[in-house]
Amino acid sequence: MLELRPSCECCDADLPPESGQALICSFECTFCANCAASKLGFICPNCGGELVARPRRPVSKLANHPPSDRRVYKPQGCRDPAD
């Protein structure tokens, strides 16, 4: 089951379970759409995998299968390629 991590690893923006702005790789590294596009080129800086839209869990399932509250914040790995 997906963790549904609560934030972007690059900028720490909140990404609640219903967010359409969350992207993940196959290891569930989580990024906001803005960082994925502007800084990462839709490639995970941790594993090199592609970043794709994170599925949204139906609200009716969140009580029994809550999202993670573990925030991962690693801005050092998320530099703009132009820098």
PDB file of N, CA and C in Angstrom:
ATOM      1  N   MET A   1       0.838  -1.172   0.000  1.00  0.00           N
ATOM      2  CA  MET A   1       0.000   0.000   0.000  1.00  0.00           C
ATOM      3  C   MET A   1       0.889   1.244   0.000  1.00  0.00           C
ATOM      4  N   LEU A   2       0.530   2.227  -0.785  1.00  0.00           N
ATOM      5  CA  LEU A   2       1.302   3.471  -0.850  1.00  0.00           C
ATOM      6  C   LEU A   2       1.278   4.200   0.483  1.00  0.00           C
ATOM      7  N   GLU A   3       2.406   4.795   0.833  1.00  0.00           N
ATOM      8  CA  GLU A   3       2.505   5.563   2.070  1.00  0.00           C
ATOM      9  C   GLU A   3       1.708   6.867   2.008  1.00  0.00           C
ATOM     10  N   LEU A   4       1.638   7.464   0.850  1.00  0.00           N
ATOM     11  CA  LEU A   4       1.048   8.801   0.689  1.00  0.00           C
ATOM     12  C   LEU A   4       1.761   9.786   1.605  1.00  0.00           C
ATOM     13  N   ARG A   5       3.041   9.982   1.348  1.00  0.00           N
ATOM     14  CA  ARG A   5       3.844  10.901   2.151  1.00  0.00           C
ATOM     15  C   ARG A   5       3.273  12.311   2.066  1.00  0.00           C
ATOM     16  N   PRO A   6       3.399  13.078   3.145  1.00  0.00           N
ATOM     17  CA  PRO A   6       2.684  14.347   3.251  1.00  0.00           C
ATOM     18  C   PRO A   6       3.334  15.578   2.644  1.00  0.00           C
ATOM     19  N   SER A   7       4.537  15.425   2.060  1.00  0.00           N
ATOM     20  CA  SER A   7       5.216  16.641   1.598  1.00  0.00           C
ATOM     21  C   SER A   7       6.212  16.357   0.481  1.00  0.00           C
ATOM     22  N   CYS A   8       6.623  17.453  -0.158  1.00  0.00           N
ATOM     23  CA  CYS A   8       7.625  17.397  -1.224  1.00  0.00           C
ATOM     24  C   CYS A   8       9.016  17.307  -0.608  1.00  0.00           C
ATOM     25  N   GLU A   9       9.837  16.395  -1.103  1.00  0.00           N
ATOM     26  CA  GLU A   9      11.195  16.249  -0.596  1.00  0.00           C
ATOM     27  C   GLU A   9      12.073  17.456  -0.913  1.00  0.00           C
ATOM     28  N   CYS A  10      11.756  18.198  -1.954  1.00  0.00           N
ATOM     29  CA  CYS A  10      12.577  19.349  -2.342  1.00  0.00           C
ATOM     30  C   CYS A  10      12.229  20.621  -1.579  1.00  0.00           C
ATOM     31  N   CYS A  11      10.955  20.974  -1.555  1.00  0.00           N
ATOM     32  CA  CYS A  11      10.554  22.275  -0.992  1.00  0.00           C
ATOM     33  C   CYS A  11       9.719  22.154   0.271  1.00  0.00           C
ATOM     34  N   ASP A  12       9.385  20.952   0.681  1.00  0.00           N
ATOM     35  CA  ASP A  12       8.600  20.669   1.883  1.00  0.00           C
ATOM     36  C   ASP A  12       7.151  21.161   1.785  1.00  0.00           C
ATOM     37  N   ALA A  13       6.675  21.415   0.572  1.00  0.00           N
ATOM     38  CA  ALA A  13       5.270  21.821   0.401  1.00  0.00           C
ATOM     39  C   ALA A  13       4.354  20.681   0.839  1.00  0.00           C
ATOM     40  N   ASP A  14       3.251  21.042   1.451  1.00  0.00           N
ATOM     41  CA  ASP A  14       2.269  20.045   1.869  1.00  0.00           C
ATOM     42  C   ASP A  14       1.637  19.374   0.653  1.00  0.00           C
ATOM     43  N   LEU A  15       1.501  18.058   0.724  1.00  0.00           N
ATOM     44  CA  LEU A  15       0.865  17.272  -0.330  1.00  0.00           C
ATOM     45  C   LEU A  15      -0.117  16.311   0.332  1.00  0.00           C
ATOM     46  N   PRO A  16      -1.303  16.811   0.677  1.00  0.00           N
ATOM     47  CA  PRO A  16      -2.290  15.951   1.334  1.00  0.00           C
ATOM     48  C   PRO A  16      -2.733  14.820   0.407  1.00  0.00           C
ATOM     49  N   PRO A  17      -3.368  13.787   0.960  1.00  0.00           N
ATOM     50  CA  PRO A  17      -3.731  12.611   0.165  1.00  0.00           C
ATOM     51  C   PRO A  17      -4.572  12.931  -1.071  1.00  0.00           C
ATOM     52  N   GLU A  18      -5.362  13.985  -1.002  1.00  0.00           N
ATOM     53  CA  GLU A  18      -6.232  14.326  -2.132  1.00  0.00           C
ATOM     54  C   GLU A  18      -5.546  15.206  -3.182  1.00  0.00           C
ATOM     55  N   SER A  19      -4.291  15.553  -2.959  1.00  0.00           N
ATOM     56  CA  SER A  19      -3.588  16.456  -3.862  1.00  0.00           C
ATOM     57  C   SER A  19      -3.358  15.836  -5.238  1.00  0.00           C
ATOM     58  N   GLY A  20      -3.635  16.620  -6.249  1.00  0.00           N
ATOM     59  CA  GLY A  20      -3.335  16.232  -7.613  1.00  0.00           C
ATOM     60  C   GLY A  20      -1.960  16.724  -8.038  1.00  0.00           C
ATOM     61  N   GLN A  21      -1.224  17.340  -7.099  1.00  0.00           N
ATOM     62  CA  GLN A  21       0.089  17.910  -7.394  1.00  0.00           C
ATOM     63  C   GLN A  21       1.245  17.024  -6.946  1.00  0.00           C
ATOM     64  N   ALA A  22       0.948  15.845  -6.406  1.00  0.00           N
ATOM     65  CA  ALA A  22       1.987  14.948  -5.901  1.00  0.00           C
ATOM     66  C   ALA A  22       2.453  13.984  -6.987  1.00  0.00           C
ATOM     67  N   LEU A  23       3.772  13.852  -7.113  1.00  0.00           N
ATOM     68  CA  LEU A  23       4.366  12.889  -8.029  1.00  0.00           C
ATOM     69  C   LEU A  23       5.282  11.972  -7.235  1.00  0.00           C
ATOM     70  N   ILE A  24       5.366  10.706  -7.654  1.00  0.00           N
ATOM     71  CA  ILE A  24       6.194   9.723  -6.963  1.00  0.00           C
ATOM     72  C   ILE A  24       6.987   8.893  -7.970  1.00  0.00           C
ATOM     73  N   CYS A  25       8.063   8.268  -7.451  1.00  0.00           N
ATOM     74  CA  CYS A  25       8.797   7.277  -8.232  1.00  0.00           C
ATOM     75  C   CYS A  25       8.384   5.903  -7.726  1.00  0.00           C
ATOM     76  N   SER A  26       8.979   4.862  -8.222  1.00  0.00           N
ATOM     77  CA  SER A  26       8.590   3.512  -7.811  1.00  0.00           C
ATOM     78  C   SER A  26       8.991   3.195  -6.365  1.00  0.00           C
ATOM     79  N   PHE A  27       9.857   4.018  -5.762  1.00  0.00           N
ATOM     80  CA  PHE A  27      10.222   3.849  -4.357  1.00  0.00           C
ATOM     81  C   PHE A  27       9.419   4.780  -3.452  1.00  0.00           C
ATOM     82  N   GLU A  28       8.470   5.496  -4.028  1.00  0.00           N
ATOM     83  CA  GLU A  28       7.581   6.421  -3.332  1.00  0.00           C
ATOM     84  C   GLU A  28       8.248   7.703  -2.861  1.00  0.00           C
ATOM     85  N   CYS A  29       9.414   8.033  -3.399  1.00  0.00           N
ATOM     86  CA  CYS A  29       9.954   9.365  -3.161  1.00  0.00           C
ATOM     87  C   CYS A  29       8.892  10.314  -3.692  1.00  0.00           C
ATOM     88  N   THR A  30       8.626  11.384  -2.983  1.00  0.00           N
ATOM     89  CA  THR A  30       7.470  12.227  -3.281  1.00  0.00           C
ATOM     90  C   THR A  30       7.890  13.668  -3.520  1.00  0.00           C
ATOM     91  N   PHE A  31       7.371  14.244  -4.594  1.00  0.00           N
ATOM     92  CA  PHE A  31       7.705  15.617  -4.979  1.00  0.00           C
ATOM     93  C   PHE A  31       6.463  16.336  -5.465  1.00  0.00           C
ATOM     94  N   CYS A  32       6.452  17.662  -5.321  1.00  0.00           N
ATOM     95  CA  CYS A  32       5.344  18.441  -5.869  1.00  0.00           C
ATOM     96  C   CYS A  32       5.559  18.595  -7.378  1.00  0.00           C
ATOM     97  N   ALA A  33       4.494  18.887  -8.086  1.00  0.00           N
ATOM     98  CA  ALA A  33       4.561  19.015  -9.541  1.00  0.00           C
ATOM     99  C   ALA A  33       5.523  20.120  -9.956  1.00  0.00           C
ATOM    100  N   ASN A  34       5.564  21.207  -9.198  1.00  0.00           N
ATOM    101  CA  ASN A  34       6.438  22.320  -9.547  1.00  0.00           C
ATOM    102  C   ASN A  34       7.912  21.909  -9.481  1.00  0.00           C
ATOM    103  N   CYS A  35       8.330  21.291  -8.391  1.00  0.00           N
ATOM    104  CA  CYS A  35       9.728  20.850  -8.273  1.00  0.00           C
ATOM    105  C   CYS A  35      10.054  19.762  -9.295  1.00  0.00           C
ATOM    106  N   ALA A  36       9.127  18.843  -9.498  1.00  0.00           N
ATOM    107  CA  ALA A  36       9.357  17.771 -10.465  1.00  0.00           C
ATOM    108  C   ALA A  36       9.625  18.336 -11.855  1.00  0.00           C
ATOM    109  N   ALA A  37       8.874  19.355 -12.229  1.00  0.00           N
ATOM    110  CA  ALA A  37       9.028  19.947 -13.559  1.00  0.00           C
ATOM    111  C   ALA A  37      10.221  20.900 -13.641  1.00  0.00           C
ATOM    112  N   SER A  38      10.323  21.814 -12.679  1.00  0.00           N
ATOM    113  CA  SER A  38      11.310  22.892 -12.807  1.00  0.00           C
ATOM    114  C   SER A  38      12.713  22.515 -12.345  1.00  0.00           C
ATOM    115  N   LYS A  39      12.828  21.583 -11.419  1.00  0.00           N
ATOM    116  CA  LYS A  39      14.143  21.243 -10.876  1.00  0.00           C
ATOM    117  C   LYS A  39      14.623  19.843 -11.245  1.00  0.00           C
ATOM    118  N   LEU A  40      13.684  18.934 -11.462  1.00  0.00           N
ATOM    119  CA  LEU A  40      14.080  17.531 -11.595  1.00  0.00           C
ATOM    120  C   LEU A  40      13.874  16.923 -12.974  1.00  0.00           C
ATOM    121  N   GLY A  41      13.188  17.626 -13.857  1.00  0.00           N
ATOM    122  CA  GLY A  41      12.932  17.071 -15.181  1.00  0.00           C
ATOM    123  C   GLY A  41      12.150  15.772 -15.119  1.00  0.00           C
ATOM    124  N   PHE A  42      11.307  15.627 -14.089  1.00  0.00           N
ATOM    125  CA  PHE A  42      10.468  14.441 -13.874  1.00  0.00           C
ATOM    126  C   PHE A  42      11.284  13.168 -13.671  1.00  0.00           C
ATOM    127  N   ILE A  43      12.517  13.329 -13.133  1.00  0.00           N
ATOM    128  CA  ILE A  43      13.384  12.197 -12.801  1.00  0.00           C
ATOM    129  C   ILE A  43      13.711  12.281 -11.308  1.00  0.00           C
ATOM    130  N   CYS A  44      13.543  11.184 -10.600  1.00  0.00           N
ATOM    131  CA  CYS A  44      13.814  11.148  -9.167  1.00  0.00           C
ATOM    132  C   CYS A  44      15.312  11.336  -8.919  1.00  0.00           C
ATOM    133  N   PRO A  45      15.685  12.312  -8.074  1.00  0.00           N
ATOM    134  CA  PRO A  45      17.111  12.509  -7.801  1.00  0.00           C
ATOM    135  C   PRO A  45      17.702  11.411  -6.921  1.00  0.00           C
ATOM    136  N   ASN A  46      16.872  10.611  -6.300  1.00  0.00           N
ATOM    137  CA  ASN A  46      17.348   9.558  -5.405  1.00  0.00           C
ATOM    138  C   ASN A  46      17.659   8.253  -6.139  1.00  0.00           C
ATOM    139  N   CYS A  47      16.791   7.880  -7.081  1.00  0.00           N
ATOM    140  CA  CYS A  47      16.964   6.571  -7.731  1.00  0.00           C
ATOM    141  C   CYS A  47      17.091   6.652  -9.251  1.00  0.00           C
ATOM    142  N   GLY A  48      16.783   7.806  -9.832  1.00  0.00           N
ATOM    143  CA  GLY A  48      16.861   7.949 -11.280  1.00  0.00           C
ATOM    144  C   GLY A  48      15.615   7.493 -12.007  1.00  0.00           C
ATOM    145  N   GLY A  49      14.598   7.074 -11.256  1.00  0.00           N
ATOM    146  CA  GLY A  49      13.345   6.632 -11.870  1.00  0.00           C
ATOM    147  C   GLY A  49      12.465   7.800 -12.277  1.00  0.00           C
ATOM    148  N   GLU A  50      11.484   7.509 -13.107  1.00  0.00           N
ATOM    149  CA  GLU A  50      10.583   8.575 -13.546  1.00  0.00           C
ATOM    150  C   GLU A  50       9.605   8.938 -12.436  1.00  0.00           C
ATOM    151  N   LEU A  51       9.183  10.197 -12.444  1.00  0.00           N
ATOM    152  CA  LEU A  51       8.181  10.688 -11.504  1.00  0.00           C
ATOM    153  C   LEU A  51       6.841  10.742 -12.217  1.00  0.00           C
ATOM    154  N   VAL A  52       5.867  10.105 -11.613  1.00  0.00           N
ATOM    155  CA  VAL A  52       4.521  10.034 -12.193  1.00  0.00           C
ATOM    156  C   VAL A  52       3.499  10.469 -11.148  1.00  0.00           C
ATOM    157  N   ALA A  53       2.292  10.760 -11.605  1.00  0.00           N
ATOM    158  CA  ALA A  53       1.239  11.201 -10.693  1.00  0.00           C
ATOM    159  C   ALA A  53       0.975  10.156  -9.615  1.00  0.00           C
ATOM    160  N   ARG A  54       0.895  10.626  -8.375  1.00  0.00           N
ATOM    161  CA  ARG A  54       0.575   9.723  -7.275  1.00  0.00           C
ATOM    162  C   ARG A  54      -0.928   9.465  -7.263  1.00  0.00           C
ATOM    163  N   PRO A  55      -1.345   8.212  -7.192  1.00  0.00           N
ATOM    164  CA  PRO A  55      -2.775   7.921  -7.123  1.00  0.00           C
ATOM    165  C   PRO A  55      -3.379   8.519  -5.850  1.00  0.00           C
ATOM    166  N   ARG A  56      -4.643   8.873  -5.935  1.00  0.00           N
ATOM    167  CA  ARG A  56      -5.350   9.413  -4.767  1.00  0.00           C
ATOM    168  C   ARG A  56      -6.168   8.308  -4.129  1.00  0.00           C
ATOM    169  N   ARG A  57      -6.052   8.178  -2.836  1.00  0.00           N
ATOM    170  CA  ARG A  57      -6.819   7.172  -2.100  1.00  0.00           C
ATOM    171  C   ARG A  57      -8.217   7.717  -1.842  1.00  0.00           C
ATOM    172  N   PRO A  58      -9.263   6.930  -2.079  1.00  0.00           N
ATOM    173  CA  PRO A  58     -10.617   7.409  -1.813  1.00  0.00           C
ATOM    174  C   PRO A  58     -10.763   7.822  -0.344  1.00  0.00           C
ATOM    175  N   VAL A  59     -11.458   8.916  -0.128  1.00  0.00           N
ATOM    176  CA  VAL A  59     -11.654   9.449   1.219  1.00  0.00           C
ATOM    177  C   VAL A  59     -12.231   8.383   2.142  1.00  0.00           C
ATOM    178  N   SER A  60     -13.113   7.552   1.627  1.00  0.00           N
ATOM    179  CA  SER A  60     -13.749   6.522   2.451  1.00  0.00           C
ATOM    180  C   SER A  60     -12.748   5.478   2.963  1.00  0.00           C
ATOM    181  N   LYS A  61     -11.569   5.408   2.371  1.00  0.00           N
ATOM    182  CA  LYS A  61     -10.557   4.421   2.772  1.00  0.00           C
ATOM    183  C   LYS A  61      -9.482   5.007   3.699  1.00  0.00           C
ATOM    184  N   LEU A  62      -9.462   6.328   3.857  1.00  0.00           N
ATOM    185  CA  LEU A  62      -8.407   6.961   4.639  1.00  0.00           C
ATOM    186  C   LEU A  62      -8.468   6.631   6.129  1.00  0.00           C
ATOM    187  N   ALA A  63      -9.654   6.424   6.676  1.00  0.00           N
ATOM    188  CA  ALA A  63      -9.766   6.122   8.109  1.00  0.00           C
ATOM    189  C   ALA A  63      -9.068   4.813   8.456  1.00  0.00           C
ATOM    190  N   ASN A  64      -9.254   3.794   7.651  1.00  0.00           N
ATOM    191  CA  ASN A  64      -8.633   2.494   7.911  1.00  0.00           C
ATOM    192  C   ASN A  64      -7.234   2.370   7.315  1.00  0.00           C
ATOM    193  N   HIS A  65      -6.917   3.222   6.370  1.00  0.00           N
ATOM    194  CA  HIS A  65      -5.615   3.192   5.689  1.00  0.00           C
ATOM    195  C   HIS A  65      -5.093   4.622   5.596  1.00  0.00           C
ATOM    196  N   PRO A  66      -4.686   5.198   6.733  1.00  0.00           N
ATOM    197  CA  PRO A  66      -4.288   6.615   6.752  1.00  0.00           C
ATOM    198  C   PRO A  66      -2.980   6.872   6.008  1.00  0.00           C
ATOM    199  N   PRO A  67      -2.815   8.113   5.554  1.00  0.00           N
ATOM    200  CA  PRO A  67      -1.555   8.483   4.910  1.00  0.00           C
ATOM    201  C   PRO A  67      -0.434   8.555   5.936  1.00  0.00           C
ATOM    202  N   SER A  68       0.772   8.525   5.458  1.00  0.00           N
ATOM    203  CA  SER A  68       1.945   8.644   6.323  1.00  0.00           C
ATOM    204  C   SER A  68       2.042  10.061   6.878  1.00  0.00           C
ATOM    205  N   ASP A  69       2.636  10.193   8.049  1.00  0.00           N
ATOM    206  CA  ASP A  69       2.921  11.525   8.594  1.00  0.00           C
ATOM    207  C   ASP A  69       4.435  11.785   8.589  1.00  0.00           C
ATOM    208  N   ARG A  70       5.182  10.879   7.952  1.00  0.00           N
ATOM    209  CA  ARG A  70       6.644  10.994   7.885  1.00  0.00           C
ATOM    210  C   ARG A  70       7.053  11.941   6.769  1.00  0.00           C
ATOM    211  N   ARG A  71       7.588  13.085   7.157  1.00  0.00           N
ATOM    212  CA  ARG A  71       8.055  14.067   6.181  1.00  0.00           C
ATOM    213  C   ARG A  71       9.516  13.761   5.831  1.00  0.00           C
ATOM    214  N   VAL A  72       9.816  13.740   4.546  1.00  0.00           N
ATOM    215  CA  VAL A  72      11.185  13.563   4.068  1.00  0.00           C
ATOM    216  C   VAL A  72      11.553  14.873   3.373  1.00  0.00           C
ATOM    217  N   TYR A  73      12.613  15.518   3.849  1.00  0.00           N
ATOM    218  CA  TYR A  73      13.014  16.813   3.294  1.00  0.00           C
ATOM    219  C   TYR A  73      14.506  16.772   3.008  1.00  0.00           C
ATOM    220  N   LYS A  74      14.851  16.772   1.711  1.00  0.00           N
ATOM    221  CA  LYS A  74      16.245  16.687   1.289  1.00  0.00           C
ATOM    222  C   LYS A  74      16.523  17.717   0.191  1.00  0.00           C
ATOM    223  N   PRO A  75      16.473  19.013   0.522  1.00  0.00           N
ATOM    224  CA  PRO A  75      16.636  20.029  -0.519  1.00  0.00           C
ATOM    225  C   PRO A  75      18.004  20.002  -1.195  1.00  0.00           C
ATOM    226  N   GLN A  76      19.028  19.454  -0.549  1.00  0.00           N
ATOM    227  CA  GLN A  76      20.357  19.397  -1.149  1.00  0.00           C
ATOM    228  C   GLN A  76      20.383  18.536  -2.400  1.00  0.00           C
ATOM    229  N   GLY A  77      19.455  17.619  -2.555  1.00  0.00           N
ATOM    230  CA  GLY A  77      19.414  16.758  -3.730  1.00  0.00           C
ATOM    231  C   GLY A  77      18.523  17.281  -4.844  1.00  0.00           C
ATOM    232  N   CYS A  78      17.996  18.477  -4.645  1.00  0.00           N
ATOM    233  CA  CYS A  78      17.011  19.008  -5.580  1.00  0.00           C
ATOM    234  C   CYS A  78      17.419  20.353  -6.158  1.00  0.00           C
ATOM    235  N   ARG A  79      18.574  20.397  -6.708  1.00  0.00           N
ATOM    236  CA  ARG A  79      19.056  21.671  -7.279  1.00  0.00           C
ATOM    237  C   ARG A  79      18.541  21.836  -8.712  1.00  0.00           C
ATOM    238  N   ASP A  80      18.274  23.059  -9.047  1.00  0.00           N
ATOM    239  CA  ASP A  80      17.850  23.405 -10.407  1.00  0.00           C
ATOM    240  C   ASP A  80      19.001  23.083 -11.357  1.00  0.00           C
ATOM    241  N   PRO A  81      18.735  22.386 -12.472  1.00  0.00           N
ATOM    242  CA  PRO A  81      19.808  22.040 -13.399  1.00  0.00           C
ATOM    243  C   PRO A  81      20.559  23.246 -13.960  1.00  0.00           C
ATOM    244  N   ALA A  82      19.935  24.429 -13.914  1.00  0.00           N
ATOM    245  CA  ALA A  82      20.592  25.635 -14.418  1.00  0.00           C
ATOM    246  C   ALA A  82      21.642  26.166 -13.447  1.00  0.00           C
ATOM    247  N   ASP A  83      21.612  25.699 -12.209  1.00  0.00           N
ATOM    248  CA  ASP A  83      22.580  26.175 -11.190  1.00  0.00           C
ATOM    249  C   ASP A  83      23.932  25.528 -11.359  1.00  0.00           C
TER     250      ASP A  83
END
